[in-house]
Structures are given as structure tokens and as C-alpha cells.
């Protein structure tokens, strides 16, 4: 197939899966794309042999036509690609690569199934029986990013579930289910069925199922359960897969238009007012950006004054215009901390929304104060940012105290 044969204009600038076919209509190769138009066009550049190798040069030479399936997101393109590879076993997807080198998603056969990735060779060597296996997925990094996105919509137990601290931490930030309730097994079985439908590339069926469940709960006046499903429907219809786009395609002309949603979380740590420190943790589009975490030794307050310390931290933080600006600020505490942060931002003429994570007596999140729209859209990331800031501040404070005790 030559570049002159390619009708690029009919390919959309949208995510999806593309198929190179031979003269008989047999599928030679299946691929996924952030932009179908740009990805397919890249197969007809002069540097194809350098960028893709002789195998794909041979494939393009034998191809006679290109077809595609557009998807709503890169995440769905990733899943559809695996589904099509498994169904059709295209020659150039599997040539020189056996099943053992691909990646797979495994759902275990347990009362509360775990979900994780495995290499094909691990799957073959494993003696465990699995409830379901999805794949093959050519790229492990992209698959891991995909699971992170899915877990935000449908919280599931991961490979380490059951180990000390793992379940509690992920349950607190909304990424793992509570398996202690009376109907936990029944509810989690629904979650697993939803995830399986998504991996079967049946999003339309899944949405219809969820809408029916939501209406049933609403009719029964079980509004809390109806609200949870409503959020899941919204998330499926507005999948945020920026991190996946980055792992799929690092071309600058695609990334420069991607808007990262940045959340900054602040936390203050001290012991009876002594050695006060503060930190800033950063979550960008759902993922911690640890290189941008910052530590602050409180200078203006020697007593236990959390709001005063918070004001100092924010004043110092916004004295750095070279740092990326946040879309949302998260503070630990209640109305006092939220109001203190908002006053600083108002004085600086910065229209950045603030939310506060309120804790119970066991220091677990029990409420979030702030704009309801921000909370609804970013609740999981807000809690993740708050947990990261708290972890980071405790670690920093311990180091400061240790140095003082050692006289350093």
C-alpha cells in the first residue's frame, strides 16, 4: 500500500482501533491510537523502517485497505485492541512474539476476587484457576494506567489485597471495597460483573445496566446507592485518561494540547506545637507527581497554630510563580482551615477553589467541605491527595524530630 492510496481525510482525529487488511479482507494488523488520523499517517513516512522495523514495512506493503473503529476514549481503544487481537489473531501482531510475552488482566476465582496483571509466561506457569482472563495487551505500561482509571470508577481488590495496611489505605481513598458489611459479597459481585462488561468492550450494555439499577434504587428511595451509580455513569461517559494518553503517545503535537488537572494538598504536622512543619503534595490527572512535592519548616509560629502555619505555607508557596498553578487546593481540617486558605488566595487575587477534608476521631475522612461540583468530579483524587500530604508530612516531621534529638 502506498501513501497515495491512503485517504487520510476520512480518518478522524479521535481515539480508536485501526485494521490493515489484505486483498482478501483478512486482517494483517490491529493497532490502537490516540488520533486515528495521525497514527495511520505515521505508517507512510520515509522513516518507517527506522521507527517500526522491517516487519511492519512488510505489512504495509501487503496491505490493500485500512478500516477503523472509533472509540470514546483511549482507554476503550486499548481494551478494544486486545479484544480484536484475541478474536482475529492478526499475523503481524503475533509474528515473532508468542503469547507468553503479552500482558493479561486476571480476575481471580475467590469470594472477593482480586484484579491484577500477569505476563503470558506467568499465566502459563500459574497453577491458580482464574475467574476471567483478558488480553493479550501488547504494552504493560498502558495496561497498568488503564487499570488505575477503571479502579477509580469501580473500586476493586488488587494483587496485594489482604496484606497489612493495604486494604485500609485503599478503602480510605475510595479504591477498594469494604468487605466487612453484611451484603459486601453481593455488592462486590456486581462490581466484578461491571468490570467484566467493560473489558468485554460492552460499554453501551454496561451503561444501560447501570441506568436501570440507578432507577431501581431511586424508586426504593435508596438515594445514596443511586448517587454512587450516577457517579459511575458520569465517569464512564467522561473518562479521564490523560495519563494513558501520555503512555500511549509521546508526540509533542498531541501532548501540548492536553490539560493536566492539578490538585495541591497541604498538611501541617507538629507535636504539642513543637517542630512545626508543613508539606505540599501534588496529584496531576489522578497520579502523584512526587518530584513536585515540597517541604516547609514553619518559621512564623512556635505554638500549635494550624491555621497560621497554613497561611505561612500558602504565602511561601505562591511566592514561586515558576511552579505550575493548581486547579484545586485541598486542606486538612474543617471550616477554619478552608477559610484561612481562601483568605490567602483572595489577598493574592487567585481564583483557585479550596476544599477541606474533615476527619473523624480515628483520623479517617468523614466529609469534604467545598464546591459540590468539584467534590463530585474529583472526590477520589481529593482523598488521594489528602492521604499523600498526610503521609508526607508525618515522614518529614519524624525526620526533623530525629535530627533534633541527635543534635544535628
Protein backbone atom coordinates (compact mmCIF):
# COMPACT_ATOMS: atom_id res chain seq x y z
CA UNK A 1 0.00 0.00 0.00
CA UNK A 2 1.33 3.44 -0.94
CA UNK A 3 0.76 6.82 0.66
CA UNK A 4 -1.17 7.89 -2.44
CA UNK A 5 -3.66 5.08 -1.72
CA UNK A 6 -4.37 6.44 1.73
CA UNK A 7 -7.41 8.63 2.12
CA UNK A 8 -6.26 10.26 5.34
CA UNK A 9 -9.09 12.77 5.31
CA UNK A 10 -11.64 10.07 6.08
CA UNK A 11 -9.81 9.09 9.25
CA UNK A 12 -10.98 11.06 12.31
CA UNK A 13 -8.71 12.91 14.72
CA UNK A 14 -10.10 10.73 17.51
CA UNK A 15 -9.10 7.65 19.52
CA UNK A 16 -9.88 4.21 18.20
CA UNK A 17 -8.62 0.98 16.67
CA UNK A 18 -7.41 0.58 13.07
CA UNK A 19 -7.10 -2.51 10.87
CA UNK A 20 -4.70 -3.09 7.98
CA UNK A 21 -6.29 -5.65 5.61
CA UNK A 22 -5.03 -7.57 2.59
CA UNK A 23 -6.75 -8.03 -0.80
CA UNK A 24 -8.97 -10.82 0.58
CA UNK A 25 -10.13 -8.73 3.53
CA UNK A 26 -8.07 -10.66 6.07
CA UNK A 27 -6.75 -8.60 8.96
CA UNK A 28 -2.97 -8.28 8.86
CA UNK A 29 -2.51 -5.95 11.82
CA UNK A 30 -4.56 -4.26 14.55
CA UNK A 31 -3.44 -1.14 16.36
CA UNK A 32 -4.84 1.45 18.75
CA UNK A 33 -4.44 5.21 18.51
CA UNK A 34 -4.93 8.45 20.38
CA UNK A 35 -5.57 10.01 16.97
CA UNK A 36 -6.52 7.56 14.22
CA UNK A 37 -5.62 10.09 11.54
CA UNK A 38 -2.13 10.83 12.89
CA UNK A 39 -1.26 7.25 13.80
CA UNK A 40 -2.22 5.75 10.42
CA UNK A 41 -0.44 8.57 8.61
CA UNK A 42 2.76 7.69 10.51
CA UNK A 43 2.93 4.32 8.69
CA UNK A 44 3.61 6.12 5.42
CA UNK A 45 6.59 8.22 6.48
CA UNK A 46 10.03 7.80 4.94
CA UNK A 47 11.42 6.68 8.32
CA UNK A 48 9.03 3.74 8.82
CA UNK A 49 11.78 1.12 8.79
CA UNK A 50 13.68 3.05 11.48
CA UNK A 51 10.66 3.72 13.68
CA UNK A 52 8.68 0.49 13.25
CA UNK A 53 11.15 -2.04 11.82
CA UNK A 54 11.16 -4.28 8.71
CA UNK A 55 8.23 -6.43 9.89
CA UNK A 56 5.73 -3.57 9.72
CA UNK A 57 7.25 -2.28 6.47
CA UNK A 58 6.42 -5.70 5.02
CA UNK A 59 2.89 -5.48 6.46
CA UNK A 60 2.21 -2.05 4.93
CA UNK A 61 3.48 -3.30 1.57
CA UNK A 62 0.98 -6.18 1.61
CA UNK A 63 -1.97 -4.13 2.92
CA UNK A 64 -4.65 -3.06 0.44
CA UNK A 65 -7.04 -1.16 2.65
CA UNK A 66 -7.49 0.31 6.11
CA UNK A 67 -10.59 0.21 8.30
CA UNK A 68 -11.18 1.59 11.76
CA UNK A 69 -13.49 1.66 14.78
CA UNK A 70 -13.71 4.96 16.63
CA UNK A 71 -13.98 4.91 20.45
CA UNK A 72 -14.97 7.50 23.03
CA UNK A 73 -11.61 7.33 24.82
CA UNK A 74 -8.06 5.99 24.61
CA UNK A 75 -8.91 3.57 27.42
CA UNK A 76 -11.66 1.97 25.33
CA UNK A 77 -9.31 1.82 22.34
CA UNK A 78 -6.80 -0.11 24.46
CA UNK A 79 -9.43 -2.65 25.53
CA UNK A 80 -10.93 -2.97 22.05
CA UNK A 81 -7.47 -3.56 20.56
CA UNK A 82 -6.89 -6.51 22.91
CA UNK A 83 -10.36 -7.86 22.12
CA UNK A 84 -9.71 -7.69 18.35
CA UNK A 85 -6.24 -9.25 18.62
CA UNK A 86 -7.67 -12.15 20.64
CA UNK A 87 -10.55 -12.62 18.18
CA UNK A 88 -8.62 -12.38 14.90
CA UNK A 89 -5.02 -13.32 15.82
CA UNK A 90 -3.58 -11.00 13.12
CA UNK A 91 -0.38 -12.28 11.56
CA UNK A 92 1.70 -9.16 12.17
CA UNK A 93 0.54 -8.69 15.77
CA UNK A 94 1.68 -12.15 16.76
CA UNK A 95 4.57 -12.82 14.36
CA UNK A 96 7.90 -13.18 16.22
CA UNK A 97 6.03 -12.75 19.53
CA UNK A 98 4.49 -15.69 21.36
CA UNK A 99 1.57 -15.42 23.79
CA UNK A 100 3.93 -15.62 26.77
CA UNK A 101 5.34 -12.14 26.14
CA UNK A 102 1.96 -10.39 26.10
CA UNK A 103 0.23 -8.89 29.14
CA UNK A 104 -3.11 -10.03 30.54
CA UNK A 105 -5.67 -8.87 33.10
CA UNK A 106 -6.63 -11.59 35.56
CA UNK A 107 -9.74 -11.74 37.75
CA UNK A 108 -9.24 -14.38 40.42
CA UNK A 109 -11.76 -17.03 41.42
CA UNK A 110 -12.30 -16.05 45.08
CA UNK A 111 -15.18 -14.89 47.29
CA UNK A 112 -13.82 -11.37 46.85
CA UNK A 113 -11.90 -11.56 43.55
CA UNK A 114 -8.66 -9.66 43.04
CA UNK A 115 -7.74 -7.99 39.76
CA UNK A 116 -4.17 -7.59 38.53
CA UNK A 117 -1.91 -8.01 35.51
CA UNK A 118 0.20 -11.01 34.54
CA UNK A 119 2.63 -11.81 31.77
CA UNK A 120 1.64 -14.66 29.49
CA UNK A 121 4.51 -16.78 30.78
CA UNK A 122 3.35 -16.21 34.39
CA UNK A 123 -0.17 -17.16 33.38
CA UNK A 124 1.03 -20.42 31.84
CA UNK A 125 3.16 -21.25 34.89
CA UNK A 126 0.42 -20.31 37.36
CA UNK A 127 -1.44 -23.19 38.99
CA UNK A 128 -4.27 -20.90 40.12
CA UNK A 129 -7.67 -21.04 38.50
CA UNK A 130 -8.96 -17.68 37.33
CA UNK A 131 -12.50 -16.41 37.01
CA UNK A 132 -11.63 -14.47 33.85
CA UNK A 133 -8.58 -13.54 31.77
CA UNK A 134 -8.46 -10.58 29.36
CA UNK A 135 -5.84 -9.90 26.73
CA UNK A 136 -3.46 -10.01 25.05
CA UNK A 137 -2.34 -6.44 25.70
CA UNK A 138 0.88 -5.54 23.84
CA UNK A 139 2.02 -2.82 26.29
CA UNK A 140 2.25 -3.39 30.04
CA UNK A 141 2.67 0.28 30.98
CA UNK A 142 -0.51 1.30 29.19
CA UNK A 143 -2.41 -1.58 30.76
CA UNK A 144 -1.37 -0.54 34.28
CA UNK A 145 -2.56 3.02 33.60
CA UNK A 146 -5.86 1.62 32.30
CA UNK A 147 -6.43 -0.37 35.49
CA UNK A 148 -5.84 2.74 37.59
CA UNK A 149 -8.57 4.56 35.66
CA UNK A 150 -11.02 1.65 35.91
CA UNK A 151 -10.34 1.30 39.64
CA UNK A 152 -11.44 4.90 40.23
CA UNK A 153 -14.80 4.07 38.67
CA UNK A 154 -15.25 0.56 40.07
CA UNK A 155 -13.14 0.06 43.24
CA UNK A 156 -11.61 -3.42 43.29
CA UNK A 157 -9.18 -5.51 45.34
CA UNK A 158 -5.67 -5.66 43.88
CA UNK A 159 -2.96 -8.31 43.98
CA UNK A 160 -1.78 -7.28 47.46
CA UNK A 161 -5.28 -7.33 48.98
CA UNK A 162 -5.19 -8.92 52.41
CA UNK A 163 -1.69 -7.71 53.28
CA UNK A 164 -1.28 -5.47 56.32
CA UNK A 165 -2.36 -1.88 55.71
CA UNK A 166 -3.13 -2.37 52.02
CA UNK A 167 -6.91 -2.78 52.27
CA UNK A 168 -7.37 0.01 54.83
CA UNK A 169 -5.38 2.56 52.84
CA UNK A 170 -7.08 1.89 49.52
CA UNK A 171 -10.51 1.73 51.15
CA UNK A 172 -9.95 5.16 52.73
CA UNK A 173 -9.18 6.74 49.36
CA UNK A 174 -12.08 5.00 47.64
CA UNK A 175 -10.13 2.48 45.55
CA UNK A 176 -11.01 -0.72 47.40
CA UNK A 177 -14.40 -2.04 48.61
CA UNK A 178 -15.48 -2.51 52.21
CA UNK A 179 -15.77 -6.29 52.55
CA UNK A 180 -16.97 -6.24 56.16
CA UNK A 181 -20.62 -5.32 55.55
CA UNK A 182 -23.46 -7.88 55.50
CA UNK A 183 -24.13 -7.55 51.77
CA UNK A 184 -20.47 -7.00 50.80
CA UNK A 185 -20.15 -10.19 48.75
CA UNK A 186 -23.32 -9.46 46.75
CA UNK A 187 -22.36 -5.84 46.07
CA UNK A 188 -18.78 -6.71 45.09
CA UNK A 189 -20.08 -9.38 42.69
CA UNK A 190 -21.94 -6.56 40.91
CA UNK A 191 -18.71 -4.58 40.67
CA UNK A 192 -16.90 -7.55 39.14
CA UNK A 193 -19.70 -8.04 36.59
CA UNK A 194 -19.45 -4.36 35.64
CA UNK A 195 -15.69 -4.58 35.18
CA UNK A 196 -16.08 -7.72 33.05
CA UNK A 197 -18.59 -5.97 30.79
CA UNK A 198 -16.15 -3.10 30.35
CA UNK A 199 -13.29 -5.46 29.45
CA UNK A 200 -15.62 -7.24 27.03
CA UNK A 201 -15.88 -3.88 25.19
CA UNK A 202 -19.59 -3.66 26.05
CA UNK A 203 -19.79 -0.15 27.47
CA UNK A 204 -23.22 0.54 25.97
CA UNK A 205 -24.63 -2.58 27.66
CA UNK A 206 -22.92 -1.61 30.91
CA UNK A 207 -24.38 1.91 30.85
CA UNK A 208 -27.90 0.57 30.26
CA UNK A 209 -27.46 -1.85 33.16
CA UNK A 210 -26.25 0.91 35.50
CA UNK A 211 -29.05 3.28 34.49
CA UNK A 212 -31.61 0.56 35.25
CA UNK A 213 -30.02 -0.09 38.67
CA UNK A 214 -29.94 3.63 39.45
CA UNK A 215 -33.65 3.99 38.69
CA UNK A 216 -34.45 0.93 40.83
CA UNK A 217 -32.59 2.38 43.82
CA UNK A 218 -34.22 5.79 43.30
CA UNK A 219 -37.68 4.18 43.23
CA UNK A 220 -36.88 2.44 46.52
CA UNK A 221 -35.67 5.80 47.90
CA UNK A 222 -32.17 4.37 48.40
CA UNK A 223 -30.70 7.64 47.23
CA UNK A 224 -27.16 7.06 48.50
CA UNK A 225 -26.77 3.93 46.34
CA UNK A 226 -28.43 5.70 43.40
CA UNK A 227 -25.93 8.56 43.77
CA UNK A 228 -22.95 6.18 43.67
CA UNK A 229 -24.18 4.64 40.41
CA UNK A 230 -24.90 8.08 38.97
CA UNK A 231 -21.24 8.99 39.57
CA UNK A 232 -20.13 5.75 37.87
CA UNK A 233 -22.28 6.54 34.83
CA UNK A 234 -20.84 10.05 34.64
CA UNK A 235 -17.28 8.69 34.96
CA UNK A 236 -17.85 6.18 32.15
CA UNK A 237 -19.24 8.92 29.92
CA UNK A 238 -16.36 11.30 30.74
CA UNK A 239 -13.34 9.02 31.08
CA UNK A 240 -10.26 10.99 32.17
CA UNK A 241 -7.37 9.15 30.55
CA UNK A 242 -4.71 11.86 30.25
CA UNK A 243 -2.13 9.60 31.91
CA UNK A 244 -3.00 6.89 29.41
CA UNK A 245 -2.65 9.33 26.50
CA UNK A 246 0.86 10.13 27.76
CA UNK A 247 1.84 6.47 27.88
CA UNK A 248 0.23 5.77 24.50
CA UNK A 249 1.73 8.57 22.50
CA UNK A 250 4.57 10.88 23.48
CA UNK A 251 4.41 13.04 20.36
CA UNK A 252 4.58 16.66 21.49
CA UNK A 253 1.94 17.83 19.00
CA UNK A 254 -0.58 15.67 20.84
CA UNK A 255 0.57 16.34 24.40
CA UNK A 256 0.80 20.10 24.13
CA UNK A 257 -2.99 20.35 23.97
CA UNK A 258 -3.62 18.05 26.94
CA UNK A 259 -4.79 19.95 30.02
CA UNK A 260 -3.50 18.37 33.22
CA UNK A 261 -5.82 18.77 36.23
CA UNK A 262 -3.54 19.64 39.13
CA UNK A 263 -4.55 19.23 42.76
CA UNK A 264 -2.29 20.54 45.54
CA UNK A 265 -2.88 19.20 49.06
CA UNK A 266 -1.42 20.79 52.19
CA UNK A 267 -0.86 19.31 55.63
CA UNK A 268 0.70 20.61 58.86
CA UNK A 269 2.44 18.35 61.39
CA UNK A 270 3.69 19.06 64.91
CA UNK A 271 3.83 17.59 68.41
CA UNK A 272 2.31 19.88 71.04
CA UNK A 273 3.20 22.81 68.84
CA UNK A 274 6.88 21.90 68.59
CA UNK A 275 8.88 21.44 65.39
CA UNK A 276 6.02 22.60 63.18
CA UNK A 277 6.38 21.59 59.54
CA UNK A 278 4.14 21.61 56.51
CA UNK A 279 4.08 19.94 53.12
CA UNK A 280 2.55 20.21 49.68
CA UNK A 281 1.63 17.05 47.75
CA UNK A 282 0.64 17.17 44.08
CA UNK A 283 -1.79 14.98 42.13
CA UNK A 284 -1.93 15.58 38.37
CA UNK A 285 -4.79 13.95 36.46
CA UNK A 286 -5.11 11.27 39.10
CA UNK A 287 -1.43 10.45 39.63
CA UNK A 288 1.05 11.63 42.31
CA UNK A 289 3.74 13.93 40.91
CA UNK A 290 6.33 13.32 43.63
CA UNK A 291 9.03 15.42 42.02
CA UNK A 292 6.80 18.43 42.75
CA UNK A 293 6.19 17.67 46.43
CA UNK A 294 7.52 20.43 48.71
CA UNK A 295 8.52 20.70 52.40
CA UNK A 296 8.12 23.79 54.58
CA UNK A 297 9.68 24.39 58.00
CA UNK A 298 7.31 26.76 59.81
CA UNK A 299 9.16 29.92 60.83
CA UNK A 300 6.47 32.35 61.99
CA UNK A 301 4.77 30.18 64.63
CA UNK A 302 6.24 28.24 67.53
CA UNK A 303 2.95 27.19 69.13
CA UNK A 304 0.14 24.96 67.90
CA UNK A 305 -1.47 27.25 65.32
CA UNK A 306 -2.54 25.16 62.34
CA UNK A 307 -4.34 27.96 60.50
CA UNK A 308 -1.42 30.34 60.99
CA UNK A 309 1.02 27.70 59.74
CA UNK A 310 -1.22 27.01 56.74
CA UNK A 311 -1.29 30.71 55.85
CA UNK A 312 2.51 30.84 56.02
CA UNK A 313 2.85 27.78 53.79
CA UNK A 314 0.49 29.19 51.16
CA UNK A 315 2.16 32.61 51.21
CA UNK A 316 5.53 30.97 50.62
CA UNK A 317 4.18 28.56 48.02
CA UNK A 318 2.64 31.34 45.91
CA UNK A 319 5.89 33.24 46.13
CA UNK A 320 7.05 30.78 43.47
CA UNK A 321 5.33 31.78 40.21
CA UNK A 322 7.61 29.33 38.36
CA UNK A 323 5.70 26.41 39.94
CA UNK A 324 2.68 25.21 37.97
CA UNK A 325 -0.62 26.70 39.17
CA UNK A 326 -3.15 24.33 40.78
CA UNK A 327 -6.73 23.84 39.63
CA UNK A 328 -7.82 22.87 43.13
CA UNK A 329 -6.39 23.16 46.65
CA UNK A 330 -7.05 20.57 49.37
CA UNK A 331 -6.52 21.35 53.06
CA UNK A 332 -6.72 19.01 56.03
CA UNK A 333 -9.23 20.11 58.68
CA UNK A 334 -12.54 21.91 58.64
CA UNK A 335 -14.07 25.32 58.06
CA UNK A 336 -11.24 27.15 59.88
CA UNK A 337 -8.54 25.72 57.59
CA UNK A 338 -10.69 26.19 54.48
CA UNK A 339 -11.45 29.82 55.38
CA UNK A 340 -7.78 30.52 56.16
CA UNK A 341 -6.68 29.20 52.77
CA UNK A 342 -9.41 31.14 50.96
CA UNK A 343 -8.36 34.39 52.66
CA UNK A 344 -4.77 33.95 51.48
CA UNK A 345 -5.91 33.28 47.92
CA UNK A 346 -8.28 36.25 48.00
CA UNK A 347 -5.47 38.56 49.18
CA UNK A 348 -3.31 37.26 46.31
CA UNK A 349 -6.21 37.67 43.86
CA UNK A 350 -6.04 33.99 42.90
CA UNK A 351 -9.42 32.43 41.95
CA UNK A 352 -8.49 28.87 42.97
CA UNK A 353 -11.19 26.73 44.65
CA UNK A 354 -10.46 25.18 48.06
CA UNK A 355 -11.89 22.03 49.64
CA UNK A 356 -11.29 20.73 53.16
CA UNK A 357 -11.17 17.08 54.20
CA UNK A 358 -12.79 16.63 57.61
CA UNK A 359 -11.59 13.67 59.70
CA UNK A 360 -13.26 11.59 62.42
CA UNK A 361 -11.74 10.72 65.81
CA UNK A 362 -9.70 7.94 64.14
CA UNK A 363 -8.34 10.46 61.66
CA UNK A 364 -10.25 8.93 58.75
CA UNK A 365 -12.08 11.11 56.18
CA UNK A 366 -15.74 11.62 57.04
CA UNK A 367 -16.69 14.65 54.94
CA UNK A 368 -15.40 17.08 52.32
CA UNK A 369 -16.28 20.76 52.51
CA UNK A 370 -16.36 22.90 49.39
CA UNK A 371 -17.93 23.29 45.98
CA UNK A 372 -20.12 20.23 45.34
CA UNK A 373 -19.26 20.09 41.64
CA UNK A 374 -15.53 19.91 42.38
CA UNK A 375 -16.11 17.26 45.03
CA UNK A 376 -18.33 15.14 42.76
CA UNK A 377 -15.89 15.24 39.84
CA UNK A 378 -12.67 14.78 41.83
CA UNK A 379 -13.59 13.05 45.10
CA UNK A 380 -11.19 10.12 44.69
CA UNK A 381 -8.28 12.37 43.75
CA UNK A 382 -9.08 14.79 46.59
CA UNK A 383 -8.88 11.95 49.11
CA UNK A 384 -5.76 10.54 47.47
CA UNK A 385 -4.06 13.97 47.59
CA UNK A 386 -5.03 14.42 51.24
CA UNK A 387 -3.69 10.97 52.14
CA UNK A 388 -0.44 11.66 50.28
CA UNK A 389 0.03 15.02 52.03
CA UNK A 390 -0.61 13.46 55.44
CA UNK A 391 1.83 10.61 54.79
CA UNK A 392 4.47 13.04 53.52
CA UNK A 393 4.07 15.46 56.47
CA UNK A 394 4.35 12.67 59.07
CA UNK A 395 7.51 11.38 57.39
CA UNK A 396 9.02 14.88 57.21
CA UNK A 397 8.15 15.65 60.85
CA UNK A 398 9.73 12.40 62.06
CA UNK A 399 12.96 13.25 60.25
CA UNK A 400 13.01 16.76 61.76
CA UNK A 401 12.45 15.39 65.28
CA UNK A 402 15.10 12.71 64.80
CA UNK A 403 17.67 15.30 63.75
CA UNK A 404 16.84 17.46 66.77
CA UNK A 405 17.23 14.51 69.14
CA UNK A 406 20.60 13.71 67.58
CA UNK A 407 21.62 17.35 67.86
CA UNK A 408 22.07 17.79 64.13
